[in-house]
């Protein structure tokens, strides 16, 4: 087979992210819970580390566990896994958050990362007393980032009088373990791109068709270039559904979509009960539903039915196929510039273990081949998935 060149946009290295789960309740099988099942949580984060993940996201919502406390626990339960703390800039003063993050970074010897959530749902923001219009939330996030970075670097007390925050004589703040802490931003609105492009170290996307994501990456990088700052690392999130054969994987996917849809209709799992069933306010969910309305299958393995049945309430687009097909699809996204890949399943703990055994090694093997030879390996050519002539997901799933 003829070797093919590596695209110039391709990331040379990739790191993997998963989301930490506090209990065994899932979108497939929601169960009543008091919140934290400590034995399950310990097993989960250790599974992530053993499986070879590099990061874990600790989400935040008005009805969830506190992300800082959970991140601190992750830091003590693991040796290498980096906790990504989700923070809403309306929930604490930025100089306080700077101290919390620096403390976490010290306790984990430099592993802390922060993901700032400006807020895309008015009702959810109001639960914490935040009534700022959505566009102004990103302006607040911008000011928040400036204060975080000053808090970590100023050597003398400083004052601040901005639109959203004011204080006198703060600092010098408690410093991180290293020079700074990576800051991540996500979102699909113009305001999100503006703040993320000018100020973030990482920009986060949900899984989208390759051509659309390529354009979005170019957009955020152009903003960074215009601001004369380093380009962001690109984080993209998927919900893979894998099995031994493509046929089994697609049968599983259709079964999962039906079960997930029933859970959403019953509003019996987590944030789904809070976000509701109306038209989503955030642009990311709107885009996901637009893609789903056009087609269920894109590119090699991207599937949108899981987004459609949940009203795109969070990261919900799937990659479907054998581990080889899904690994090849992940490499497709690496080829357009993604270097942080979040994969988390619907059967949470079992999927985390299976991805570590069967998907992550294939991606890393392909990247090692590229580093050694300067050429693509055979993974993508040998596992076309939905790119194969005559591909029919319905037929594979046995629904015709």
Foldseek 3Di string as FASTA:
>chain_A
DDFFFFFPQFDLAFAEEEAQAQDQAFLLHGDDDPAHDPVVRLLQLVLLVVLRHQEYEQDDFLPHPQQLVVQLVSLVSDQGYAYEGEDECVQDQLLVVLQSQQVSQVSNLRRYAYEYDLDQAQQRCCSRPDRDDSLVSLVSVLVSLVVSLCCQDPPFFAWDDDPPDGDGRDDVHRHHSDSHHFYEYEADDPSSLLSCLQGGQEYEAEDDFQVVVLVVLVSSVVNVVVNVHDRHAYEYEAAEQADAFLLVQLLVVVVSLVSSLVCLVVVRDPCSVVQDDDQGRTPRLVVLVVRQVVDQDHFQFWGRSQSVSSSNPDRGIYGTGHLLSSLLVVSSNSSSHHRYYYYAHRSGRVVSNCCSVRRVVVNVVQSVVCVVPSTGDCSCVVRRHCNDPPDDSCVSSPVD
